[in-house]
Amino acid sequence: LAEDEDVGVRHGMAQDINTPIAVLQKLASDENGWVRGEAYKTLEIL
């Protein structure tokens, strides 16, 4: 799902503090800046 074609799915995962760290790290290198930014914020919160 971290590779889903829909940016909204990836963004939703990146925002969720229950998303496992390894998945958030994958999302932190997403091609979409919006997703990357949310993943970084969530990783920072955690």
All heavy atoms as atom14 arrays in JSON, in Angstrom:
{
  "sequence": "LAEDEDVGVRHGMAQDINTPIAVLQKLASDENGWVRGEAYKTLEIL",
  "atom14_mask": [
    [1, 1, 1, 1, 1, 1, 1, 1, 0, 0, 0, 0, 0, 0],
    [1, 1, 1, 1, 1, 0, 0, 0, 0, 0, 0, 0, 0, 0],
    [1, 1, 1, 1, 1, 1, 1, 1, 1, 0, 0, 0, 0, 0],
    [1, 1, 1, 1, 1, 1, 1, 1, 0, 0, 0, 0, 0, 0],
    [1, 1, 1, 1, 1, 1, 1, 1, 1, 0, 0, 0, 0, 0],
    [1, 1, 1, 1, 1, 1, 1, 1, 0, 0, 0, 0, 0, 0],
    [1, 1, 1, 1, 1, 1, 1, 0, 0, 0, 0, 0, 0, 0],
    [1, 1, 1, 1, 0, 0, 0, 0, 0, 0, 0, 0, 0, 0],
    [1, 1, 1, 1, 1, 1, 1, 0, 0, 0, 0, 0, 0, 0],
    [1, 1, 1, 1, 1, 1, 1, 1, 1, 1, 1, 0, 0, 0],
    [1, 1, 1, 1, 1, 1, 1, 1, 1, 1, 0, 0, 0, 0],
    [1, 1, 1, 1, 0, 0, 0, 0, 0, 0, 0, 0, 0, 0],
    [1, 1, 1, 1, 1, 1, 1, 1, 0, 0, 0, 0, 0, 0],
    [1, 1, 1, 1, 1, 0, 0, 0, 0, 0, 0, 0, 0, 0],
    [1, 1, 1, 1, 1, 1, 1, 1, 1, 0, 0, 0, 0, 0],
    [1, 1, 1, 1, 1, 1, 1, 1, 0, 0, 0, 0, 0, 0],
    [1, 1, 1, 1, 1, 1, 1, 1, 0, 0, 0, 0, 0, 0],
    [1, 1, 1, 1, 1, 1, 1, 1, 0, 0, 0, 0, 0, 0],
    [1, 1, 1, 1, 1, 1, 1, 0, 0, 0, 0, 0, 0, 0],
    [1, 1, 1, 1, 1, 1, 1, 0, 0, 0, 0, 0, 0, 0],
    [1, 1, 1, 1, 1, 1, 1, 1, 0, 0, 0, 0, 0, 0],
    [1, 1, 1, 1, 1, 0, 0, 0, 0, 0, 0, 0, 0, 0],
    [1, 1, 1, 1, 1, 1, 1, 0, 0, 0, 0, 0, 0, 0],
    [1, 1, 1, 1, 1, 1, 1, 1, 0, 0, 0, 0, 0, 0],
    [1, 1, 1, 1, 1, 1, 1, 1, 1, 0, 0, 0, 0, 0],
    [1, 1, 1, 1, 1, 1, 1, 1, 1, 0, 0, 0, 0, 0],
    [1, 1, 1, 1, 1, 1, 1, 1, 0, 0, 0, 0, 0, 0],
    [1, 1, 1, 1, 1, 0, 0, 0, 0, 0, 0, 0, 0, 0],
    [1, 1, 1, 1, 1, 1, 0, 0, 0, 0, 0, 0, 0, 0],
    [1, 1, 1, 1, 1, 1, 1, 1, 0, 0, 0, 0, 0, 0],
    [1, 1, 1, 1, 1, 1, 1, 1, 1, 0, 0, 0, 0, 0],
    [1, 1, 1, 1, 1, 1, 1, 1, 0, 0, 0, 0, 0, 0],
    [1, 1, 1, 1, 0, 0, 0, 0, 0, 0, 0, 0, 0, 0],
    [1, 1, 1, 1, 1, 1, 1, 1, 1, 1, 1, 1, 1, 1],
    [1, 1, 1, 1, 1, 1, 1, 0, 0, 0, 0, 0, 0, 0],
    [1, 1, 1, 1, 1, 1, 1, 1, 1, 1, 1, 0, 0, 0],
    [1, 1, 1, 1, 0, 0, 0, 0, 0, 0, 0, 0, 0, 0],
    [1, 1, 1, 1, 1, 1, 1, 1, 1, 0, 0, 0, 0, 0],
    [1, 1, 1, 1, 1, 0, 0, 0, 0, 0, 0, 0, 0, 0],
    [1, 1, 1, 1, 1, 1, 1, 1, 1, 1, 1, 1, 0, 0],
    [1, 1, 1, 1, 1, 1, 1, 1, 1, 0, 0, 0, 0, 0],
    [1, 1, 1, 1, 1, 1, 1, 0, 0, 0, 0, 0, 0, 0],
    [1, 1, 1, 1, 1, 1, 1, 1, 0, 0, 0, 0, 0, 0],
    [1, 1, 1, 1, 1, 1, 1, 1, 1, 0, 0, 0, 0, 0],
    [1, 1, 1, 1, 1, 1, 1, 1, 0, 0, 0, 0, 0, 0],
    [1, 1, 1, 1, 1, 1, 1, 1, 0, 0, 0, 0, 0, 0]
  ],
  "atom14_positions": [
    [[0.82, -1.21, 0.0], [0.0, 0.0, 0.0], [0.86, 1.26, 0.0], [0.44, 2.3, -0.5], [-0.96, 0.01, 1.19], [-2.16, -0.92, 1.05], [-2.9, -1.04, 2.39], [-3.11, -0.44, -0.04], [0.0, 0.0, 0.0], [0.0, 0.0, 0.0], [0.0, 0.0, 0.0], [0.0, 0.0, 0.0], [0.0, 0.0, 0.0], [0.0, 0.0, 0.0]],
    [[2.07, 1.17, 0.53], [2.99, 2.31, 0.52], [3.44, 2.65, -0.9], [4.04, 3.7, -1.12], [4.2, 2.04, 1.41], [0.0, 0.0, 0.0], [0.0, 0.0, 0.0], [0.0, 0.0, 0.0], [0.0, 0.0, 0.0], [0.0, 0.0, 0.0], [0.0, 0.0, 0.0], [0.0, 0.0, 0.0], [0.0, 0.0, 0.0], [0.0, 0.0, 0.0]],
    [[3.12, 1.79, -1.85], [3.42, 2.03, -3.26], [2.13, 2.21, -4.07], [2.16, 2.15, -5.3], [4.22, 0.87, -3.83], [5.58, 0.72, -3.2], [6.34, -0.51, -3.7], [5.78, -1.29, -4.49], [7.5, -0.66, -3.29], [0.0, 0.0, 0.0], [0.0, 0.0, 0.0], [0.0, 0.0, 0.0], [0.0, 0.0, 0.0], [0.0, 0.0, 0.0]],
    [[1.01, 2.41, -3.39], [-0.27, 2.56, -4.08], [-0.19, 3.69, -5.1], [0.46, 4.71, -4.86], [-1.37, 2.85, -3.05], [-2.77, 2.65, -3.61], [-3.27, 3.56, -4.31], [-3.35, 1.59, -3.34], [0.0, 0.0, 0.0], [0.0, 0.0, 0.0], [0.0, 0.0, 0.0], [0.0, 0.0, 0.0], [0.0, 0.0, 0.0], [0.0, 0.0, 0.0]],
    [[-0.86, 3.5, -6.22], [-0.84, 4.53, -7.27], [-1.55, 5.81, -6.86], [-1.27, 6.88, -7.39], [-1.46, 3.98, -8.56], [-2.93, 3.64, -8.42], [-3.52, 2.95, -9.63], [-2.82, 2.18, -10.28], [-4.71, 3.2, -9.9], [0.0, 0.0, 0.0], [0.0, 0.0, 0.0], [0.0, 0.0, 0.0], [0.0, 0.0, 0.0], [0.0, 0.0, 0.0]],
    [[-2.43, 5.72, -5.88], [-3.19, 6.88, -5.43], [-2.42, 7.59, -4.31], [-2.2, 7.03, -3.24], [-4.56, 6.43, -4.93], [-5.5, 7.58, -4.64], [-5.06, 8.58, -4.04], [-6.68, 7.49, -5.01], [0.0, 0.0, 0.0], [0.0, 0.0, 0.0], [0.0, 0.0, 0.0], [0.0, 0.0, 0.0], [0.0, 0.0, 0.0], [0.0, 0.0, 0.0]],
    [[-2.04, 8.82, -4.57], [-1.27, 9.6, -3.59], [-2.05, 9.76, -2.28], [-1.46, 9.84, -1.2], [-0.84, 10.96, -4.18], [-2.02, 11.88, -4.38], [0.21, 11.62, -3.33], [0.0, 0.0, 0.0], [0.0, 0.0, 0.0], [0.0, 0.0, 0.0], [0.0, 0.0, 0.0], [0.0, 0.0, 0.0], [0.0, 0.0, 0.0], [0.0, 0.0, 0.0]],
    [[-3.38, 9.77, -2.35], [-4.2, 9.91, -1.14], [-4.03, 8.74, -0.2], [-4.07, 8.91, 1.02], [0.0, 0.0, 0.0], [0.0, 0.0, 0.0], [0.0, 0.0, 0.0], [0.0, 0.0, 0.0], [0.0, 0.0, 0.0], [0.0, 0.0, 0.0], [0.0, 0.0, 0.0], [0.0, 0.0, 0.0], [0.0, 0.0, 0.0], [0.0, 0.0, 0.0]],
    [[-3.85, 7.55, -0.74], [-3.63, 6.36, 0.1], [-2.28, 6.49, 0.8], [-2.18, 6.31, 2.02], [-3.69, 5.07, -0.74], [-3.27, 3.85, 0.09], [-5.09, 4.86, -1.32], [0.0, 0.0, 0.0], [0.0, 0.0, 0.0], [0.0, 0.0, 0.0], [0.0, 0.0, 0.0], [0.0, 0.0, 0.0], [0.0, 0.0, 0.0], [0.0, 0.0, 0.0]],
    [[-1.26, 6.82, 0.04], [0.08, 6.95, 0.61], [0.13, 8.08, 1.64], [0.74, 7.95, 2.71], [1.12, 7.16, -0.49], [1.16, 5.99, -1.47], [2.31, 6.03, -2.44], [2.67, 7.3, -3.02], [2.14, 7.82, -4.13], [1.19, 7.18, -4.8], [2.57, 8.99, -4.6], [0.0, 0.0, 0.0], [0.0, 0.0, 0.0], [0.0, 0.0, 0.0]],
    [[-0.55, 9.18, 1.35], [-0.6, 10.31, 2.28], [-1.31, 9.93, 3.57], [-0.86, 10.27, 4.67], [-1.29, 11.51, 1.61], [-1.29, 12.73, 2.46], [-2.37, 13.08, 3.24], [-0.34, 13.67, 2.68], [-2.09, 14.19, 3.89], [-0.87, 14.58, 3.57], [0.0, 0.0, 0.0], [0.0, 0.0, 0.0], [0.0, 0.0, 0.0], [0.0, 0.0, 0.0]],
    [[-2.43, 9.21, 3.44], [-3.16, 8.75, 4.63], [-2.3, 7.88, 5.52], [-2.32, 8.0, 6.75], [0.0, 0.0, 0.0], [0.0, 0.0, 0.0], [0.0, 0.0, 0.0], [0.0, 0.0, 0.0], [0.0, 0.0, 0.0], [0.0, 0.0, 0.0], [0.0, 0.0, 0.0], [0.0, 0.0, 0.0], [0.0, 0.0, 0.0], [0.0, 0.0, 0.0]],
    [[-1.51, 7.02, 4.91], [-0.61, 6.16, 5.68], [0.49, 6.99, 6.34], [0.86, 6.73, 7.48], [0.03, 5.12, 4.76], [-0.95, 4.11, 4.22], [-0.16, 2.98, 3.05], [0.84, 2.0, 4.17], [0.0, 0.0, 0.0], [0.0, 0.0, 0.0], [0.0, 0.0, 0.0], [0.0, 0.0, 0.0], [0.0, 0.0, 0.0], [0.0, 0.0, 0.0]],
    [[1.01, 7.97, 5.6], [2.1, 8.8, 6.11], [1.66, 9.62, 7.32], [2.48, 9.93, 8.19], [2.62, 9.71, 5.0], [0.0, 0.0, 0.0], [0.0, 0.0, 0.0], [0.0, 0.0, 0.0], [0.0, 0.0, 0.0], [0.0, 0.0, 0.0], [0.0, 0.0, 0.0], [0.0, 0.0, 0.0], [0.0, 0.0, 0.0], [0.0, 0.0, 0.0]],
    [[0.39, 9.95, 7.42], [-0.13, 10.75, 8.53], [-0.42, 9.93, 9.78], [-0.56, 10.49, 10.86], [-1.46, 11.39, 8.13], [-1.37, 12.52, 7.19], [-2.75, 13.11, 6.96], [-3.69, 12.4, 6.6], [-2.87, 14.4, 7.15], [0.0, 0.0, 0.0], [0.0, 0.0, 0.0], [0.0, 0.0, 0.0], [0.0, 0.0, 0.0], [0.0, 0.0, 0.0]],
    [[-0.53, 8.63, 9.64], [-1.0, 7.76, 10.72], [0.15, 7.37, 11.65], [1.08, 6.68, 11.23], [-1.65, 6.52, 10.12], [-2.35, 5.65, 11.14], [-2.16, 5.85, 12.36], [-3.09, 4.74, 10.71], [0.0, 0.0, 0.0], [0.0, 0.0, 0.0], [0.0, 0.0, 0.0], [0.0, 0.0, 0.0], [0.0, 0.0, 0.0], [0.0, 0.0, 0.0]],
    [[0.08, 7.78, 12.91], [1.16, 7.45, 13.85], [1.21, 5.95, 14.17], [2.17, 5.48, 14.76], [1.08, 8.27, 15.16], [-0.21, 7.97, 15.9], [1.27, 9.74, 14.9], [-0.25, 8.53, 17.31], [0.0, 0.0, 0.0], [0.0, 0.0, 0.0], [0.0, 0.0, 0.0], [0.0, 0.0, 0.0], [0.0, 0.0, 0.0], [0.0, 0.0, 0.0]],
    [[0.21, 5.2, 13.75], [0.22, 3.75, 13.96], [0.87, 3.0, 12.81], [1.03, 1.79, 12.87], [-1.21, 3.24, 14.18], [-1.79, 3.76, 15.47], [-1.17, 3.66, 16.53], [-2.95, 4.38, 15.4], [0.0, 0.0, 0.0], [0.0, 0.0, 0.0], [0.0, 0.0, 0.0], [0.0, 0.0, 0.0], [0.0, 0.0, 0.0], [0.0, 0.0, 0.0]],
    [[1.23, 3.72, 11.75], [1.94, 3.09, 10.64], [3.32, 2.68, 11.13], [4.01, 3.48, 11.76], [2.06, 4.07, 9.45], [0.74, 4.43, 9.02], [2.81, 3.46, 8.29], [0.0, 0.0, 0.0], [0.0, 0.0, 0.0], [0.0, 0.0, 0.0], [0.0, 0.0, 0.0], [0.0, 0.0, 0.0], [0.0, 0.0, 0.0], [0.0, 0.0, 0.0]],
    [[3.73, 1.44, 10.88], [5.05, 0.99, 11.34], [6.18, 1.88, 10.81], [6.1, 2.4, 9.7], [5.16, -0.43, 10.78], [3.74, -0.88, 10.61], [2.99, 0.36, 10.22], [0.0, 0.0, 0.0], [0.0, 0.0, 0.0], [0.0, 0.0, 0.0], [0.0, 0.0, 0.0], [0.0, 0.0, 0.0], [0.0, 0.0, 0.0], [0.0, 0.0, 0.0]],
    [[7.23, 2.01, 11.61], [8.38, 2.85, 11.26], [8.95, 2.49, 9.89], [9.24, 3.38, 9.09], [9.49, 2.74, 12.35], [8.97, 3.22, 13.71], [10.74, 3.5, 11.93], [8.73, 4.68, 13.84], [0.0, 0.0, 0.0], [0.0, 0.0, 0.0], [0.0, 0.0, 0.0], [0.0, 0.0, 0.0], [0.0, 0.0, 0.0], [0.0, 0.0, 0.0]],
    [[9.11, 1.21, 9.61], [9.69, 0.79, 8.32], [8.85, 1.28, 7.15], [9.38, 1.69, 6.11], [9.84, -0.72, 8.27], [0.0, 0.0, 0.0], [0.0, 0.0, 0.0], [0.0, 0.0, 0.0], [0.0, 0.0, 0.0], [0.0, 0.0, 0.0], [0.0, 0.0, 0.0], [0.0, 0.0, 0.0], [0.0, 0.0, 0.0], [0.0, 0.0, 0.0]],
    [[7.53, 1.28, 7.31], [6.64, 1.76, 6.25], [6.75, 3.27, 6.14], [6.81, 3.83, 5.03], [5.18, 1.3, 6.5], [4.25, 1.84, 5.44], [5.1, -0.22, 6.56], [0.0, 0.0, 0.0], [0.0, 0.0, 0.0], [0.0, 0.0, 0.0], [0.0, 0.0, 0.0], [0.0, 0.0, 0.0], [0.0, 0.0, 0.0], [0.0, 0.0, 0.0]],
    [[6.81, 3.97, 7.28], [6.98, 5.42, 7.26], [8.31, 5.81, 6.61], [8.37, 6.78, 5.85], [6.89, 6.0, 8.68], [5.5, 6.02, 9.3], [5.59, 6.35, 10.79], [4.59, 6.99, 8.57], [0.0, 0.0, 0.0], [0.0, 0.0, 0.0], [0.0, 0.0, 0.0], [0.0, 0.0, 0.0], [0.0, 0.0, 0.0], [0.0, 0.0, 0.0]],
    [[9.34, 5.04, 6.87], [10.64, 5.33, 6.25], [10.55, 5.16, 4.73], [11.15, 5.93, 3.99], [11.72, 4.43, 6.85], [12.05, 4.84, 8.27], [12.94, 3.84, 9.0], [12.96, 2.65, 8.71], [13.67, 4.35, 9.99], [0.0, 0.0, 0.0], [0.0, 0.0, 0.0], [0.0, 0.0, 0.0], [0.0, 0.0, 0.0], [0.0, 0.0, 0.0]],
    [[9.82, 4.15, 4.3], [9.61, 3.97, 2.86], [8.86, 5.16, 2.28], [9.21, 5.7, 1.23], [8.86, 2.67, 2.6], [8.62, 2.37, 1.14], [7.98, 1.02, 0.95], [7.89, 0.7, -0.53], [7.6, -0.7, -0.77], [0.0, 0.0, 0.0], [0.0, 0.0, 0.0], [0.0, 0.0, 0.0], [0.0, 0.0, 0.0], [0.0, 0.0, 0.0]],
    [[7.81, 5.6, 2.99], [7.02, 6.74, 2.54], [7.84, 8.04, 2.57], [7.57, 8.96, 1.8], [5.75, 6.87, 3.38], [4.72, 5.76, 3.17], [3.67, 5.79, 4.28], [4.07, 5.87, 1.8], [0.0, 0.0, 0.0], [0.0, 0.0, 0.0], [0.0, 0.0, 0.0], [0.0, 0.0, 0.0], [0.0, 0.0, 0.0], [0.0, 0.0, 0.0]],
    [[8.83, 8.1, 3.44], [9.68, 9.29, 3.52], [10.56, 9.46, 2.28], [11.15, 10.52, 2.08], [10.54, 9.23, 4.78], [0.0, 0.0, 0.0], [0.0, 0.0, 0.0], [0.0, 0.0, 0.0], [0.0, 0.0, 0.0], [0.0, 0.0, 0.0], [0.0, 0.0, 0.0], [0.0, 0.0, 0.0], [0.0, 0.0, 0.0], [0.0, 0.0, 0.0]],
    [[10.61, 8.44, 1.45], [11.35, 8.56, 0.18], [10.39, 8.51, -1.01], [10.8, 8.26, -2.14], [12.42, 7.47, 0.08], [11.81, 6.2, 0.03], [0.0, 0.0, 0.0], [0.0, 0.0, 0.0], [0.0, 0.0, 0.0], [0.0, 0.0, 0.0], [0.0, 0.0, 0.0], [0.0, 0.0, 0.0], [0.0, 0.0, 0.0], [0.0, 0.0, 0.0]],
    [[9.11, 8.77, -0.76], [8.1, 8.76, -1.82], [8.4, 9.83, -2.87], [8.99, 10.87, -2.55], [6.71, 9.02, -1.2], [5.56, 8.7, -2.14], [5.17, 9.59, -2.93], [5.08, 7.56, -2.08], [0.0, 0.0, 0.0], [0.0, 0.0, 0.0], [0.0, 0.0, 0.0], [0.0, 0.0, 0.0], [0.0, 0.0, 0.0], [0.0, 0.0, 0.0]],
    [[7.99, 9.57, -4.09], [8.21, 10.54, -5.17], [7.4, 11.82, -4.98], [7.76, 12.88, -5.48], [7.85, 9.91, -6.53], [6.38, 9.55, -6.64], [6.02, 8.77, -7.88], [6.83, 7.97, -8.33], [4.91, 8.98, -8.38], [0.0, 0.0, 0.0], [0.0, 0.0, 0.0], [0.0, 0.0, 0.0], [0.0, 0.0, 0.0], [0.0, 0.0, 0.0]],
    [[6.32, 11.74, -4.2], [5.46, 12.89, -3.98], [5.9, 13.64, -2.71], [5.96, 13.05, -1.63], [4.01, 12.41, -3.86], [3.03, 13.55, -3.7], [2.95, 14.16, -2.64], [2.3, 13.84, -4.76], [0.0, 0.0, 0.0], [0.0, 0.0, 0.0], [0.0, 0.0, 0.0], [0.0, 0.0, 0.0], [0.0, 0.0, 0.0], [0.0, 0.0, 0.0]],
    [[6.16, 14.92, -2.85], [6.62, 15.73, -1.72], [5.62, 15.81, -0.58], [6.01, 15.9, 0.58], [0.0, 0.0, 0.0], [0.0, 0.0, 0.0], [0.0, 0.0, 0.0], [0.0, 0.0, 0.0], [0.0, 0.0, 0.0], [0.0, 0.0, 0.0], [0.0, 0.0, 0.0], [0.0, 0.0, 0.0], [0.0, 0.0, 0.0], [0.0, 0.0, 0.0]],
    [[4.35, 15.82, -0.91], [3.29, 15.88, 0.1], [3.35, 14.65, 0.99], [3.28, 14.75, 2.21], [1.96, 15.98, -0.64], [0.73, 16.26, 0.14], [0.55, 17.18, 1.12], [-0.53, 15.61, -0.03], [-0.75, 17.16, 1.57], [-1.44, 16.2, 0.87], [-0.99, 14.61, -0.86], [-2.76, 15.8, 0.97], [-2.31, 14.22, -0.77], [-3.19, 14.81, 0.14]],
    [[3.52, 13.49, 0.38], [3.63, 12.23, 1.12], [4.92, 12.22, 1.93], [4.91, 11.88, 3.12], [3.57, 11.02, 0.16], [3.85, 9.72, 0.9], [2.22, 10.95, -0.55], [0.0, 0.0, 0.0], [0.0, 0.0, 0.0], [0.0, 0.0, 0.0], [0.0, 0.0, 0.0], [0.0, 0.0, 0.0], [0.0, 0.0, 0.0], [0.0, 0.0, 0.0]],
    [[6.03, 12.58, 1.29], [7.33, 12.61, 1.98], [7.27, 13.5, 3.22], [7.71, 13.11, 4.29], [8.43, 13.15, 1.06], [9.08, 12.16, 0.16], [10.35, 12.69, -0.47], [10.3, 14.06, -0.94], [9.91, 14.43, -2.16], [9.52, 13.54, -3.04], [9.92, 15.72, -2.5], [0.0, 0.0, 0.0], [0.0, 0.0, 0.0], [0.0, 0.0, 0.0]],
    [[6.7, 14.69, 3.04], [6.6, 15.64, 4.15], [5.81, 15.09, 5.32], [6.22, 15.23, 6.48], [0.0, 0.0, 0.0], [0.0, 0.0, 0.0], [0.0, 0.0, 0.0], [0.0, 0.0, 0.0], [0.0, 0.0, 0.0], [0.0, 0.0, 0.0], [0.0, 0.0, 0.0], [0.0, 0.0, 0.0], [0.0, 0.0, 0.0], [0.0, 0.0, 0.0]],
    [[4.68, 14.46, 5.03], [3.86, 13.88, 6.11], [4.59, 12.73, 6.79], [4.52, 12.6, 8.01], [2.51, 13.4, 5.57], [1.53, 14.5, 5.29], [1.21, 15.38, 6.49], [1.08, 14.87, 7.62], [1.09, 16.6, 6.3], [0.0, 0.0, 0.0], [0.0, 0.0, 0.0], [0.0, 0.0, 0.0], [0.0, 0.0, 0.0], [0.0, 0.0, 0.0]],
    [[5.27, 11.92, 6.01], [6.02, 10.8, 6.59], [7.11, 11.33, 7.53], [7.28, 10.81, 8.63], [6.61, 9.93, 5.49], [0.0, 0.0, 0.0], [0.0, 0.0, 0.0], [0.0, 0.0, 0.0], [0.0, 0.0, 0.0], [0.0, 0.0, 0.0], [0.0, 0.0, 0.0], [0.0, 0.0, 0.0], [0.0, 0.0, 0.0], [0.0, 0.0, 0.0]],
    [[7.81, 12.37, 7.09], [8.85, 12.97, 7.95], [8.24, 13.53, 9.23], [8.8, 13.34, 10.32], [9.61, 14.08, 7.21], [10.7, 13.58, 6.31], [10.65, 13.8, 4.94], [11.8, 12.88, 6.83], [11.66, 13.34, 4.1], [12.81, 12.43, 6.01], [12.74, 12.66, 4.65], [13.73, 12.21, 3.83], [0.0, 0.0, 0.0], [0.0, 0.0, 0.0]],
    [[7.11, 14.22, 9.11], [6.45, 14.78, 10.31], [6.06, 13.67, 11.27], [6.25, 13.79, 12.48], [5.2, 15.57, 9.91], [5.45, 16.93, 9.35], [4.12, 17.66, 9.23], [4.0, 18.32, 7.88], [2.69, 18.89, 7.66], [0.0, 0.0, 0.0], [0.0, 0.0, 0.0], [0.0, 0.0, 0.0], [0.0, 0.0, 0.0], [0.0, 0.0, 0.0]],
    [[5.49, 12.6, 10.74], [5.05, 11.5, 11.6], [6.24, 10.82, 12.25], [6.21, 10.5, 13.44], [4.2, 10.49, 10.79], [3.1, 11.19, 10.21], [3.66, 9.38, 11.67], [0.0, 0.0, 0.0], [0.0, 0.0, 0.0], [0.0, 0.0, 0.0], [0.0, 0.0, 0.0], [0.0, 0.0, 0.0], [0.0, 0.0, 0.0], [0.0, 0.0, 0.0]],
    [[7.3, 10.61, 11.48], [8.52, 10.03, 12.06], [9.08, 10.92, 13.17], [9.52, 10.44, 14.22], [9.57, 9.8, 10.97], [9.32, 8.6, 10.06], [10.2, 8.67, 8.82], [9.54, 7.29, 10.82], [0.0, 0.0, 0.0], [0.0, 0.0, 0.0], [0.0, 0.0, 0.0], [0.0, 0.0, 0.0], [0.0, 0.0, 0.0], [0.0, 0.0, 0.0]],
    [[9.03, 12.24, 12.96], [9.52, 13.18, 13.96], [8.67, 13.11, 15.23], [9.19, 13.1, 16.35], [9.5, 14.6, 13.4], [10.11, 15.62, 14.33], [10.14, 17.02, 13.72], [10.18, 17.14, 12.48], [10.14, 17.98, 14.5], [0.0, 0.0, 0.0], [0.0, 0.0, 0.0], [0.0, 0.0, 0.0], [0.0, 0.0, 0.0], [0.0, 0.0, 0.0]],
    [[7.36, 13.04, 15.05], [6.45, 12.92, 16.22], [6.78, 11.66, 17.0], [6.89, 11.68, 18.22], [4.98, 12.91, 15.76], [4.56, 14.29, 15.27], [4.05, 12.42, 16.88], [3.24, 14.32, 14.51], [0.0, 0.0, 0.0], [0.0, 0.0, 0.0], [0.0, 0.0, 0.0], [0.0, 0.0, 0.0], [0.0, 0.0, 0.0], [0.0, 0.0, 0.0]],
    [[6.95, 10.55, 16.28], [7.24, 9.28, 16.95], [8.6, 9.3, 17.63], [8.75, 8.77, 18.73], [7.15, 8.13, 15.94], [5.74, 7.85, 15.41], [5.78, 6.83, 14.29], [4.82, 7.4, 16.53], [0.0, 0.0, 0.0], [0.0, 0.0, 0.0], [0.0, 0.0, 0.0], [0.0, 0.0, 0.0], [0.0, 0.0, 0.0], [0.0, 0.0, 0.0]]
  ]
}
